[in-house]
Amino acid sequence: MINIRIFEELHTIEEVDRFISSNPLSFIYVSHINCTVCQALFPQVRVLMEKFPDIQLAHVDSAEVEEVAERFIVFSVPAMLLFIEGKEYLREARMVHMSLFEEKLQKIYEGYKNERLF
């Protein structure tokens, strides 16, 4: 049985900033309430993130938190942003090829975990 991880809902740009700064590995899924691609991709992302337990997860609705688009230069949704110690390391947007995204995420995650062992 797959245990689907929960994404923390962020409702202000201050919550977004706090989430990124307080989690060494943070992932933000930016969507829009009327985006069918966002709704279709989100369940796949939730399942994928089971493989990366040390990454903290959050969701932001760009219709609610309009500043998120400007702050992170998000031109289309869904946008998936991975931050390591506050710095953006990976970005995928709109039409995401899940297996390629997983490969990129795996390399970054393993690199981070290996660095932390020393």
PDB file of N, CA and C in Angstrom:
ATOM      1  N   MET A   1       0.828  -1.183   0.000  1.00  0.00           N
ATOM      2  CA  MET A   1       0.000   0.000   0.000  1.00  0.00           C
ATOM      3  C   MET A   1       0.877   1.254   0.000  1.00  0.00           C
ATOM      4  N   ILE A   2       0.544   2.211  -0.826  1.00  0.00           N
ATOM      5  CA  ILE A   2       1.296   3.451  -0.912  1.00  0.00           C
ATOM      6  C   ILE A   2       0.719   4.453   0.085  1.00  0.00           C
ATOM      7  N   ASN A   3       1.600   5.021   0.876  1.00  0.00           N
ATOM      8  CA  ASN A   3       1.206   6.040   1.838  1.00  0.00           C
ATOM      9  C   ASN A   3       1.453   7.404   1.195  1.00  0.00           C
ATOM     10  N   ILE A   4       0.398   8.072   0.783  1.00  0.00           N
ATOM     11  CA  ILE A   4       0.513   9.352   0.098  1.00  0.00           C
ATOM     12  C   ILE A   4       0.856  10.441   1.113  1.00  0.00           C
ATOM     13  N   ARG A   5       1.921  11.180   0.833  1.00  0.00           N
ATOM     14  CA  ARG A   5       2.328  12.259   1.728  1.00  0.00           C
ATOM     15  C   ARG A   5       1.422  13.470   1.557  1.00  0.00           C
ATOM     16  N   ILE A   6       1.307  14.207   2.625  1.00  0.00           N
ATOM     17  CA  ILE A   6       0.472  15.403   2.656  1.00  0.00           C
ATOM     18  C   ILE A   6       1.323  16.630   2.324  1.00  0.00           C
ATOM     19  N   PHE A   7       0.768  17.512   1.519  1.00  0.00           N
ATOM     20  CA  PHE A   7       1.402  18.778   1.201  1.00  0.00           C
ATOM     21  C   PHE A   7       0.827  19.844   2.128  1.00  0.00           C
ATOM     22  N   GLU A   8       1.695  20.604   2.760  1.00  0.00           N
ATOM     23  CA  GLU A   8       1.245  21.710   3.600  1.00  0.00           C
ATOM     24  C   GLU A   8       0.677  22.808   2.703  1.00  0.00           C
ATOM     25  N   GLU A   9      -0.479  23.319   3.050  1.00  0.00           N
ATOM     26  CA  GLU A   9      -1.098  24.403   2.281  1.00  0.00           C
ATOM     27  C   GLU A   9      -0.567  25.740   2.776  1.00  0.00           C
ATOM     28  N   LEU A  10      -0.027  26.532   1.857  1.00  0.00           N
ATOM     29  CA  LEU A  10       0.507  27.846   2.193  1.00  0.00           C
ATOM     30  C   LEU A  10      -0.425  28.910   1.620  1.00  0.00           C
ATOM     31  N   HIS A  11      -0.771  29.901   2.443  1.00  0.00           N
ATOM     32  CA  HIS A  11      -1.794  30.871   2.057  1.00  0.00           C
ATOM     33  C   HIS A  11      -1.305  32.306   1.913  1.00  0.00           C
ATOM     34  N   THR A  12      -0.041  32.552   2.246  1.00  0.00           N
ATOM     35  CA  THR A  12       0.527  33.891   2.085  1.00  0.00           C
ATOM     36  C   THR A  12       1.963  33.753   1.587  1.00  0.00           C
ATOM     37  N   ILE A  13       2.492  34.827   1.012  1.00  0.00           N
ATOM     38  CA  ILE A  13       3.880  34.794   0.545  1.00  0.00           C
ATOM     39  C   ILE A  13       4.825  34.684   1.743  1.00  0.00           C
ATOM     40  N   GLU A  14       4.419  35.210   2.892  1.00  0.00           N
ATOM     41  CA  GLU A  14       5.235  35.080   4.102  1.00  0.00           C
ATOM     42  C   GLU A  14       5.326  33.618   4.537  1.00  0.00           C
ATOM     43  N   GLU A  15       4.225  32.884   4.427  1.00  0.00           N
ATOM     44  CA  GLU A  15       4.255  31.448   4.744  1.00  0.00           C
ATOM     45  C   GLU A  15       5.168  30.705   3.773  1.00  0.00           C
ATOM     46  N   VAL A  16       5.145  31.092   2.518  1.00  0.00           N
ATOM     47  CA  VAL A  16       6.019  30.467   1.512  1.00  0.00           C
ATOM     48  C   VAL A  16       7.475  30.714   1.884  1.00  0.00           C
ATOM     49  N   ASP A  17       7.816  31.955   2.167  1.00  0.00           N
ATOM     50  CA  ASP A  17       9.197  32.300   2.541  1.00  0.00           C
ATOM     51  C   ASP A  17       9.632  31.547   3.791  1.00  0.00           C
ATOM     52  N   ARG A  18       8.767  31.490   4.787  1.00  0.00           N
ATOM     53  CA  ARG A  18       9.081  30.798   6.035  1.00  0.00           C
ATOM     54  C   ARG A  18       9.277  29.302   5.790  1.00  0.00           C
ATOM     55  N   PHE A  19       8.427  28.716   4.946  1.00  0.00           N
ATOM     56  CA  PHE A  19       8.535  27.286   4.634  1.00  0.00           C
ATOM     57  C   PHE A  19       9.892  26.983   3.999  1.00  0.00           C
ATOM     58  N   ILE A  20      10.278  27.790   3.023  1.00  0.00           N
ATOM     59  CA  ILE A  20      11.553  27.566   2.325  1.00  0.00           C
ATOM     60  C   ILE A  20      12.732  27.761   3.272  1.00  0.00           C
ATOM     61  N   SER A  21      12.694  28.804   4.085  1.00  0.00           N
ATOM     62  CA  SER A  21      13.828  29.093   4.964  1.00  0.00           C
ATOM     63  C   SER A  21      13.940  28.120   6.138  1.00  0.00           C
ATOM     64  N   SER A  22      12.848  27.505   6.540  1.00  0.00           N
ATOM     65  CA  SER A  22      12.892  26.622   7.713  1.00  0.00           C
ATOM     66  C   SER A  22      13.086  25.148   7.374  1.00  0.00           C
ATOM     67  N   ASN A  23      13.107  24.805   6.085  1.00  0.00           N
ATOM     68  CA  ASN A  23      13.296  23.408   5.686  1.00  0.00           C
ATOM     69  C   ASN A  23      14.489  23.296   4.741  1.00  0.00           C
ATOM     70  N   PRO A  24      15.511  22.523   5.115  1.00  0.00           N
ATOM     71  CA  PRO A  24      16.681  22.394   4.243  1.00  0.00           C
ATOM     72  C   PRO A  24      16.323  21.873   2.844  1.00  0.00           C
ATOM     73  N   LEU A  25      15.387  20.947   2.776  1.00  0.00           N
ATOM     74  CA  LEU A  25      14.889  20.428   1.495  1.00  0.00           C
ATOM     75  C   LEU A  25      13.407  20.764   1.418  1.00  0.00           C
ATOM     76  N   SER A  26      13.053  21.675   0.532  1.00  0.00           N
ATOM     77  CA  SER A  26      11.651  22.064   0.426  1.00  0.00           C
ATOM     78  C   SER A  26      11.201  22.032  -1.026  1.00  0.00           C
ATOM     79  N   PHE A  27       9.982  21.574  -1.212  1.00  0.00           N
ATOM     80  CA  PHE A  27       9.391  21.425  -2.537  1.00  0.00           C
ATOM     81  C   PHE A  27       8.045  22.141  -2.520  1.00  0.00           C
ATOM     82  N   ILE A  28       7.842  23.013  -3.501  1.00  0.00           N
ATOM     83  CA  ILE A  28       6.583  23.743  -3.581  1.00  0.00           C
ATOM     84  C   ILE A  28       5.916  23.459  -4.914  1.00  0.00           C
ATOM     85  N   TYR A  29       4.669  23.046  -4.828  1.00  0.00           N
ATOM     86  CA  TYR A  29       3.836  22.802  -6.008  1.00  0.00           C
ATOM     87  C   TYR A  29       2.924  24.012  -6.151  1.00  0.00           C
ATOM     88  N   VAL A  30       3.123  24.771  -7.227  1.00  0.00           N
ATOM     89  CA  VAL A  30       2.320  25.961  -7.482  1.00  0.00           C
ATOM     90  C   VAL A  30       1.279  25.604  -8.535  1.00  0.00           C
ATOM     91  N   SER A  31       0.018  25.840  -8.200  1.00  0.00           N
ATOM     92  CA  SER A  31      -1.053  25.520  -9.132  1.00  0.00           C
ATOM     93  C   SER A  31      -2.046  26.674  -9.179  1.00  0.00           C
ATOM     94  N   HIS A  32      -3.086  26.478  -9.946  1.00  0.00           N
ATOM     95  CA  HIS A  32      -4.184  27.441 -10.028  1.00  0.00           C
ATOM     96  C   HIS A  32      -5.473  26.635  -9.958  1.00  0.00           C
ATOM     97  N   ILE A  33      -6.441  27.157  -9.272  1.00  0.00           N
ATOM     98  CA  ILE A  33      -7.681  26.416  -9.028  1.00  0.00           C
ATOM     99  C   ILE A  33      -8.372  25.951 -10.313  1.00  0.00           C
ATOM    100  N   ASN A  34      -8.264  26.709 -11.387  1.00  0.00           N
ATOM    101  CA  ASN A  34      -8.937  26.359 -12.646  1.00  0.00           C
ATOM    102  C   ASN A  34      -8.047  25.626 -13.649  1.00  0.00           C
ATOM    103  N   CYS A  35      -6.910  25.147 -13.210  1.00  0.00           N
ATOM    104  CA  CYS A  35      -5.948  24.492 -14.104  1.00  0.00           C
ATOM    105  C   CYS A  35      -6.164  22.975 -14.094  1.00  0.00           C
ATOM    106  N   THR A  36      -6.641  22.431 -15.195  1.00  0.00           N
ATOM    107  CA  THR A  36      -6.886  20.982 -15.261  1.00  0.00           C
ATOM    108  C   THR A  36      -5.579  20.190 -15.277  1.00  0.00           C
ATOM    109  N   VAL A  37      -4.536  20.734 -15.884  1.00  0.00           N
ATOM    110  CA  VAL A  37      -3.233  20.068 -15.875  1.00  0.00           C
ATOM    111  C   VAL A  37      -2.726  19.978 -14.433  1.00  0.00           C
ATOM    112  N   CYS A  38      -2.891  21.051 -13.687  1.00  0.00           N
ATOM    113  CA  CYS A  38      -2.477  21.064 -12.274  1.00  0.00           C
ATOM    114  C   CYS A  38      -3.175  19.960 -11.488  1.00  0.00           C
ATOM    115  N   GLN A  39      -4.471  19.848 -11.699  1.00  0.00           N
ATOM    116  CA  GLN A  39      -5.263  18.857 -10.976  1.00  0.00           C
ATOM    117  C   GLN A  39      -4.897  17.436 -11.384  1.00  0.00           C
ATOM    118  N   ALA A  40      -4.572  17.230 -12.641  1.00  0.00           N
ATOM    119  CA  ALA A  40      -4.209  15.896 -13.121  1.00  0.00           C
ATOM    120  C   ALA A  40      -2.815  15.476 -12.659  1.00  0.00           C
ATOM    121  N   LEU A  41      -1.890  16.427 -12.592  1.00  0.00           N
ATOM    122  CA  LEU A  41      -0.504  16.118 -12.251  1.00  0.00           C
ATOM    123  C   LEU A  41      -0.286  15.951 -10.748  1.00  0.00           C
ATOM    124  N   PHE A  42      -1.034  16.672  -9.949  1.00  0.00           N
ATOM    125  CA  PHE A  42      -0.802  16.678  -8.502  1.00  0.00           C
ATOM    126  C   PHE A  42      -0.814  15.279  -7.870  1.00  0.00           C
ATOM    127  N   PRO A  43      -1.773  14.418  -8.173  1.00  0.00           N
ATOM    128  CA  PRO A  43      -1.745  13.071  -7.581  1.00  0.00           C
ATOM    129  C   PRO A  43      -0.491  12.282  -7.960  1.00  0.00           C
ATOM    130  N   GLN A  44       0.003  12.459  -9.172  1.00  0.00           N
ATOM    131  CA  GLN A  44       1.228  11.775  -9.591  1.00  0.00           C
ATOM    132  C   GLN A  44       2.429  12.283  -8.801  1.00  0.00           C
ATOM    133  N   VAL A  45       2.469  13.579  -8.578  1.00  0.00           N
ATOM    134  CA  VAL A  45       3.560  14.178  -7.813  1.00  0.00           C
ATOM    135  C   VAL A  45       3.510  13.693  -6.369  1.00  0.00           C
ATOM    136  N   ARG A  46       2.323  13.619  -5.801  1.00  0.00           N
ATOM    137  CA  ARG A  46       2.180  13.135  -4.421  1.00  0.00           C
ATOM    138  C   ARG A  46       2.722  11.717  -4.276  1.00  0.00           C
ATOM    139  N   VAL A  47       2.430  10.856  -5.231  1.00  0.00           N
ATOM    140  CA  VAL A  47       2.941   9.483  -5.183  1.00  0.00           C
ATOM    141  C   VAL A  47       4.462   9.478  -5.347  1.00  0.00           C
ATOM    142  N   LEU A  48       4.965  10.242  -6.301  1.00  0.00           N
ATOM    143  CA  LEU A  48       6.409  10.306  -6.539  1.00  0.00           C
ATOM    144  C   LEU A  48       7.164  10.756  -5.293  1.00  0.00           C
ATOM    145  N   MET A  49       6.642  11.719  -4.587  1.00  0.00           N
ATOM    146  CA  MET A  49       7.363  12.277  -3.449  1.00  0.00           C
ATOM    147  C   MET A  49       7.499  11.304  -2.286  1.00  0.00           C
ATOM    148  N   GLU A  50       6.803  10.179  -2.341  1.00  0.00           N
ATOM    149  CA  GLU A  50       6.993   9.118  -1.346  1.00  0.00           C
ATOM    150  C   GLU A  50       8.433   8.610  -1.371  1.00  0.00           C
ATOM    151  N   LYS A  51       9.091   8.701  -2.503  1.00  0.00           N
ATOM    152  CA  LYS A  51      10.465   8.215  -2.652  1.00  0.00           C
ATOM    153  C   LYS A  51      11.488   9.162  -2.033  1.00  0.00           C
ATOM    154  N   PHE A  52      11.041  10.344  -1.616  1.00  0.00           N
ATOM    155  CA  PHE A  52      11.951  11.373  -1.118  1.00  0.00           C
ATOM    156  C   PHE A  52      11.467  11.887   0.241  1.00  0.00           C
ATOM    157  N   PRO A  53      11.577  11.054   1.275  1.00  0.00           N
ATOM    158  CA  PRO A  53      10.977  11.390   2.571  1.00  0.00           C
ATOM    159  C   PRO A  53      11.575  12.602   3.270  1.00  0.00           C
ATOM    160  N   ASP A  54      12.783  12.994   2.926  1.00  0.00           N
ATOM    161  CA  ASP A  54      13.406  14.129   3.602  1.00  0.00           C
ATOM    162  C   ASP A  54      13.019  15.476   2.996  1.00  0.00           C
ATOM    163  N   ILE A  55      12.305  15.454   1.891  1.00  0.00           N
ATOM    164  CA  ILE A  55      11.871  16.695   1.272  1.00  0.00           C
ATOM    165  C   ILE A  55      10.531  17.094   1.885  1.00  0.00           C
ATOM    166  N   GLN A  56      10.472  18.313   2.410  1.00  0.00           N
ATOM    167  CA  GLN A  56       9.230  18.840   2.965  1.00  0.00           C
ATOM    168  C   GLN A  56       8.386  19.383   1.816  1.00  0.00           C
ATOM    169  N   LEU A  57       7.091  19.151   1.866  1.00  0.00           N
ATOM    170  CA  LEU A  57       6.197  19.432   0.752  1.00  0.00           C
ATOM    171  C   LEU A  57       5.186  20.520   1.069  1.00  0.00           C
ATOM    172  N   ALA A  58       4.953  21.385   0.077  1.00  0.00           N
ATOM    173  CA  ALA A  58       3.943  22.423   0.244  1.00  0.00           C
ATOM    174  C   ALA A  58       3.247  22.681  -1.080  1.00  0.00           C
ATOM    175  N   HIS A  59       2.038  23.222  -0.963  1.00  0.00           N
ATOM    176  CA  HIS A  59       1.227  23.578  -2.130  1.00  0.00           C
ATOM    177  C   HIS A  59       0.800  25.031  -1.991  1.00  0.00           C
ATOM    178  N   VAL A  60       0.859  25.755  -3.121  1.00  0.00           N
ATOM    179  CA  VAL A  60       0.417  27.144  -3.155  1.00  0.00           C
ATOM    180  C   VAL A  60      -0.513  27.315  -4.348  1.00  0.00           C
ATOM    181  N   ASP A  61      -1.666  27.910  -4.095  1.00  0.00           N
ATOM    182  CA  ASP A  61      -2.603  28.255  -5.167  1.00  0.00           C
ATOM    183  C   ASP A  61      -2.258  29.666  -5.618  1.00  0.00           C
ATOM    184  N   SER A  62      -1.826  29.796  -6.869  1.00  0.00           N
ATOM    185  CA  SER A  62      -1.393  31.101  -7.374  1.00  0.00           C
ATOM    186  C   SER A  62      -2.541  32.095  -7.493  1.00  0.00           C
ATOM    187  N   ALA A  63      -3.772  31.615  -7.489  1.00  0.00           N
ATOM    188  CA  ALA A  63      -4.918  32.526  -7.485  1.00  0.00           C
ATOM    189  C   ALA A  63      -5.081  33.162  -6.114  1.00  0.00           C
ATOM    190  N   GLU A  64      -4.749  32.422  -5.072  1.00  0.00           N
ATOM    191  CA  GLU A  64      -4.852  32.928  -3.702  1.00  0.00           C
ATOM    192  C   GLU A  64      -3.627  33.758  -3.317  1.00  0.00           C
ATOM    193  N   VAL A  65      -2.439  33.267  -3.686  1.00  0.00           N
ATOM    194  CA  VAL A  65      -1.184  33.936  -3.338  1.00  0.00           C
ATOM    195  C   VAL A  65      -0.564  34.447  -4.641  1.00  0.00           C
ATOM    196  N   GLU A  66      -1.089  35.550  -5.125  1.00  0.00           N
ATOM    197  CA  GLU A  66      -0.664  36.073  -6.417  1.00  0.00           C
ATOM    198  C   GLU A  66       0.815  36.463  -6.440  1.00  0.00           C
ATOM    199  N   GLU A  67       1.364  36.828  -5.288  1.00  0.00           N
ATOM    200  CA  GLU A  67       2.772  37.237  -5.216  1.00  0.00           C
ATOM    201  C   GLU A  67       3.739  36.108  -5.545  1.00  0.00           C
ATOM    202  N   VAL A  68       3.283  34.873  -5.437  1.00  0.00           N
ATOM    203  CA  VAL A  68       4.167  33.734  -5.685  1.00  0.00           C
ATOM    204  C   VAL A  68       4.670  33.737  -7.130  1.00  0.00           C
ATOM    205  N   ALA A  69       3.835  34.154  -8.062  1.00  0.00           N
ATOM    206  CA  ALA A  69       4.237  34.184  -9.467  1.00  0.00           C
ATOM    207  C   ALA A  69       5.362  35.185  -9.687  1.00  0.00           C
ATOM    208  N   GLU A  70       5.239  36.342  -9.082  1.00  0.00           N
ATOM    209  CA  GLU A  70       6.274  37.361  -9.230  1.00  0.00           C
ATOM    210  C   GLU A  70       7.552  36.969  -8.498  1.00  0.00           C
ATOM    211  N   ARG A  71       7.418  36.511  -7.272  1.00  0.00           N
ATOM    212  CA  ARG A  71       8.591  36.182  -6.450  1.00  0.00           C
ATOM    213  C   ARG A  71       9.459  35.108  -7.094  1.00  0.00           C
ATOM    214  N   PHE A  72       8.809  34.093  -7.667  1.00  0.00           N
ATOM    215  CA  PHE A  72       9.557  32.959  -8.210  1.00  0.00           C
ATOM    216  C   PHE A  72       9.541  32.906  -9.735  1.00  0.00           C
ATOM    217  N   ILE A  73       9.085  33.973 -10.352  1.00  0.00           N
ATOM    218  CA  ILE A  73       9.038  34.094 -11.811  1.00  0.00           C
ATOM    219  C   ILE A  73       8.350  32.871 -12.425  1.00  0.00           C
ATOM    220  N   VAL A  74       7.134  32.654 -11.991  1.00  0.00           N
ATOM    221  CA  VAL A  74       6.317  31.542 -12.484  1.00  0.00           C
ATOM    222  C   VAL A  74       5.388  32.086 -13.566  1.00  0.00           C
ATOM    223  N   PHE A  75       5.628  31.662 -14.802  1.00  0.00           N
ATOM    224  CA  PHE A  75       4.835  32.128 -15.929  1.00  0.00           C
ATOM    225  C   PHE A  75       3.682  31.196 -16.273  1.00  0.00           C
ATOM    226  N   SER A  76       3.812  29.926 -15.883  1.00  0.00           N
ATOM    227  CA  SER A  76       2.741  28.974 -16.154  1.00  0.00           C
ATOM    228  C   SER A  76       2.679  27.955 -15.021  1.00  0.00           C
ATOM    229  N   VAL A  77       1.513  27.391 -14.865  1.00  0.00           N
ATOM    230  CA  VAL A  77       1.298  26.377 -13.840  1.00  0.00           C
ATOM    231  C   VAL A  77       0.853  25.077 -14.507  1.00  0.00           C
ATOM    232  N   PRO A  78       1.076  23.955 -13.863  1.00  0.00           N
ATOM    233  CA  PRO A  78       1.721  23.837 -12.567  1.00  0.00           C
ATOM    234  C   PRO A  78       3.212  24.139 -12.659  1.00  0.00           C
ATOM    235  N   ALA A  79       3.747  24.619 -11.555  1.00  0.00           N
ATOM    236  CA  ALA A  79       5.181  24.822 -11.422  1.00  0.00           C
ATOM    237  C   ALA A  79       5.634  24.055 -10.188  1.00  0.00           C
ATOM    238  N   MET A  80       6.725  23.350 -10.327  1.00  0.00           N
ATOM    239  CA  MET A  80       7.267  22.572  -9.222  1.00  0.00           C
ATOM    240  C   MET A  80       8.665  23.087  -8.946  1.00  0.00           C
ATOM    241  N   LEU A  81       8.886  23.527  -7.725  1.00  0.00           N
ATOM    242  CA  LEU A  81      10.137  24.165  -7.350  1.00  0.00           C
ATOM    243  C   LEU A  81      10.764  23.414  -6.184  1.00  0.00           C
ATOM    244  N   LEU A  82      12.019  23.010  -6.355  1.00  0.00           N
ATOM    245  CA  LEU A  82      12.761  22.348  -5.282  1.00  0.00           C
ATOM    246  C   LEU A  82      13.834  23.304  -4.787  1.00  0.00           C
ATOM    247  N   PHE A  83      13.857  23.510  -3.464  1.00  0.00           N
ATOM    248  CA  PHE A  83      14.844  24.382  -2.844  1.00  0.00           C
ATOM    249  C   PHE A  83      15.713  23.566  -1.900  1.00  0.00           C
ATOM    250  N   ILE A  84      17.012  23.838  -1.931  1.00  0.00           N
ATOM    251  CA  ILE A  84      17.937  23.241  -0.976  1.00  0.00           C
ATOM    252  C   ILE A  84      18.577  24.389  -0.220  1.00  0.00           C
ATOM    253  N   GLU A  85      18.334  24.389   1.095  1.00  0.00           N
ATOM    254  CA  GLU A  85      18.844  25.435   1.974  1.00  0.00           C
ATOM    255  C   GLU A  85      18.548  26.822   1.414  1.00  0.00           C
ATOM    256  N   GLY A  86      17.311  26.993   0.929  1.00  0.00           N
ATOM    257  CA  GLY A  86      16.833  28.282   0.465  1.00  0.00           C
ATOM    258  C   GLY A  86      17.138  28.630  -0.972  1.00  0.00           C
ATOM    259  N   LYS A  87      17.933  27.813  -1.653  1.00  0.00           N
ATOM    260  CA  LYS A  87      18.306  28.094  -3.042  1.00  0.00           C
ATOM    261  C   LYS A  87      17.539  27.162  -3.984  1.00  0.00           C
ATOM    262  N   GLU A  88      16.999  27.733  -5.053  1.00  0.00           N
ATOM    263  CA  GLU A  88      16.267  26.907  -6.015  1.00  0.00           C
ATOM    264  C   GLU A  88      17.235  26.014  -6.793  1.00  0.00           C
ATOM    265  N   TYR A  89      16.940  24.706  -6.800  1.00  0.00           N
ATOM    266  CA  TYR A  89      17.794  23.736  -7.482  1.00  0.00           C
ATOM    267  C   TYR A  89      17.116  23.073  -8.669  1.00  0.00           C
ATOM    268  N   LEU A  90      15.793  23.051  -8.673  1.00  0.00           N
ATOM    269  CA  LEU A  90      15.079  22.370  -9.746  1.00  0.00           C
ATOM    270  C   LEU A  90      13.744  23.056  -9.954  1.00  0.00           C
ATOM    271  N   ARG A  91      13.392  23.191 -11.241  1.00  0.00           N
ATOM    272  CA  ARG A  91      12.120  23.810 -11.612  1.00  0.00           C
ATOM    273  C   ARG A  91      11.582  23.065 -12.816  1.00  0.00           C
ATOM    274  N   GLU A  92      10.326  22.694 -12.720  1.00  0.00           N
ATOM    275  CA  GLU A  92       9.598  22.122 -13.852  1.00  0.00           C
ATOM    276  C   GLU A  92       8.262  22.839 -13.908  1.00  0.00           C
ATOM    277  N   ALA A  93       7.775  23.058 -15.112  1.00  0.00           N
ATOM    278  CA  ALA A  93       6.506  23.774 -15.229  1.00  0.00           C
ATOM    279  C   ALA A  93       5.701  23.271 -16.411  1.00  0.00           C
ATOM    280  N   ARG A  94       4.417  23.514 -16.316  1.00  0.00           N
ATOM    281  CA  ARG A  94       3.387  23.219 -17.320  1.00  0.00           C
ATOM    282  C   ARG A  94       3.337  21.746 -17.702  1.00  0.00           C
ATOM    283  N   MET A  95       3.921  21.366 -18.804  1.00  0.00           N
ATOM    284  CA  MET A  95       3.876  19.976 -19.253  1.00  0.00           C
ATOM    285  C   MET A  95       5.118  19.249 -18.728  1.00  0.00           C
ATOM    286  N   VAL A  96       4.936  18.438 -17.723  1.00  0.00           N
ATOM    287  CA  VAL A  96       6.049  17.792 -17.032  1.00  0.00           C
ATOM    288  C   VAL A  96       6.121  16.326 -17.438  1.00  0.00           C
ATOM    289  N   HIS A  97       7.287  15.919 -17.884  1.00  0.00           N
ATOM    290  CA  HIS A  97       7.547  14.507 -18.184  1.00  0.00           C
ATOM    291  C   HIS A  97       7.981  13.871 -16.867  1.00  0.00           C
ATOM    292  N   MET A  98       7.110  13.094 -16.250  1.00  0.00           N
ATOM    293  CA  MET A  98       7.325  12.621 -14.891  1.00  0.00           C
ATOM    294  C   MET A  98       8.581  11.771 -14.722  1.00  0.00           C
ATOM    295  N   SER A  99       8.905  10.916 -15.679  1.00  0.00           N
ATOM    296  CA  SER A  99      10.096  10.074 -15.492  1.00  0.00           C
ATOM    297  C   SER A  99      11.380  10.910 -15.557  1.00  0.00           C
ATOM    298  N   LEU A 100      11.422  11.915 -16.424  1.00  0.00           N
ATOM    299  CA  LEU A 100      12.593  12.800 -16.470  1.00  0.00           C
ATOM    300  C   LEU A 100      12.681  13.643 -15.205  1.00  0.00           C
ATOM    301  N   PHE A 101      11.540  14.112 -14.739  1.00  0.00           N
ATOM    302  CA  PHE A 101      11.513  14.876 -13.500  1.00  0.00           C
ATOM    303  C   PHE A 101      12.022  14.023 -12.341  1.00  0.00           C
ATOM    304  N   GLU A 102      11.586  12.788 -12.279  1.00  0.00           N
ATOM    305  CA  GLU A 102      12.032  11.886 -11.213  1.00  0.00           C
ATOM    306  C   GLU A 102      13.544  11.663 -11.279  1.00  0.00           C
ATOM    307  N   GLU A 103      14.093  11.475 -12.468  1.00  0.00           N
ATOM    308  CA  GLU A 103      15.544  11.288 -12.618  1.00  0.00           C
ATOM    309  C   GLU A 103      16.312  12.498 -12.096  1.00  0.00           C
ATOM    310  N   LYS A 104      15.878  13.694 -12.483  1.00  0.00           N
ATOM    311  CA  LYS A 104      16.549  14.917 -12.029  1.00  0.00           C
ATOM    312  C   LYS A 104      16.459  15.040 -10.514  1.00  0.00           C
ATOM    313  N   LEU A 105      15.273  14.800  -9.988  1.00  0.00           N
ATOM    314  CA  LEU A 105      15.054  14.896  -8.551  1.00  0.00           C
ATOM    315  C   LEU A 105      15.912  13.883  -7.798  1.00  0.00           C
ATOM    316  N   GLN A 106      15.992  12.674  -8.311  1.00  0.00           N
ATOM    317  CA  GLN A 106      16.785  11.619  -7.679  1.00  0.00           C
ATOM    318  C   GLN A 106      18.263  12.004  -7.608  1.00  0.00           C
ATOM    319  N   LYS A 107      18.801  12.546  -8.688  1.00  0.00           N
ATOM    320  CA  LYS A 107      20.221  12.947  -8.713  1.00  0.00           C
ATOM    321  C   LYS A 107      20.492  14.044  -7.690  1.00  0.00           C
ATOM    322  N   ILE A 108      19.639  15.033  -7.641  1.00  0.00           N
ATOM    323  CA  ILE A 108      19.820  16.138  -6.692  1.00  0.00           C
ATOM    324  C   ILE A 108      19.683  15.629  -5.261  1.00  0.00           C
ATOM    325  N   TYR A 109      18.680  14.809  -5.020  1.00  0.00           N
ATOM    326  CA  TYR A 109      18.412  14.271  -3.681  1.00  0.00           C
ATOM    327  C   TYR A 109      19.581  13.420  -3.195  1.00  0.00           C
ATOM    328  N   GLU A 110      20.060  12.526  -4.039  1.00  0.00           N
ATOM    329  CA  GLU A 110      21.187  11.672  -3.655  1.00  0.00           C
ATOM    330  C   GLU A 110      22.442  12.497  -3.424  1.00  0.00           C
ATOM    331  N   GLY A 111      22.676  13.488  -4.271  1.00  0.00           N
ATOM    332  CA  GLY A 111      23.833  14.353  -4.090  1.00  0.00           C
ATOM    333  C   GLY A 111      23.771  15.091  -2.762  1.00  0.00           C
ATOM    334  N   TYR A 112      22.612  15.594  -2.435  1.00  0.00           N
ATOM    335  CA  TYR A 112      22.435  16.301  -1.168  1.00  0.00           C
ATOM    336  C   TYR A 112      22.652  15.343   0.005  1.00  0.00           C
ATOM    337  N   LYS A 113      22.045  14.177  -0.055  1.00  0.00           N
ATOM    338  CA  LYS A 113      22.163  13.212   1.038  1.00  0.00           C
ATOM    339  C   LYS A 113      23.618  12.763   1.214  1.00  0.00           C
ATOM    340  N   ASN A 114      24.320  12.534   0.103  1.00  0.00           N
ATOM    341  CA  ASN A 114      25.727  12.114   0.187  1.00  0.00           C
ATOM    342  C   ASN A 114      26.616  13.201   0.778  1.00  0.00           C
ATOM    343  N   GLU A 115      26.369  14.452   0.428  1.00  0.00           N
ATOM    344  CA  GLU A 115      27.135  15.559   0.966  1.00  0.00           C
ATOM    345  C   GLU A 115      26.928  15.669   2.471  1.00  0.00           C
ATOM    346  N   ARG A 116      25.724  15.402   2.921  1.00  0.00           N
ATOM    347  CA  ARG A 116      25.375  15.548   4.320  1.00  0.00           C
ATOM    348  C   ARG A 116      26.004  14.442   5.183  1.00  0.00           C
ATOM    349  N   LEU A 117      26.483  13.359   4.573  1.00  0.00           N
ATOM    350  CA  LEU A 117      27.071  12.262   5.338  1.00  0.00           C
ATOM    351  C   LEU A 117      28.471  12.589   5.825  1.00  0.00           C
ATOM    352  N   PHE A 118      29.127  13.549   5.208  1.00  0.00           N
ATOM    353  CA  PHE A 118      30.520  13.855   5.556  1.00  0.00           C
ATOM    354  C   PHE A 118      30.621  14.945   6.578  1.00  0.00           C
TER     355      PHE A 118
END
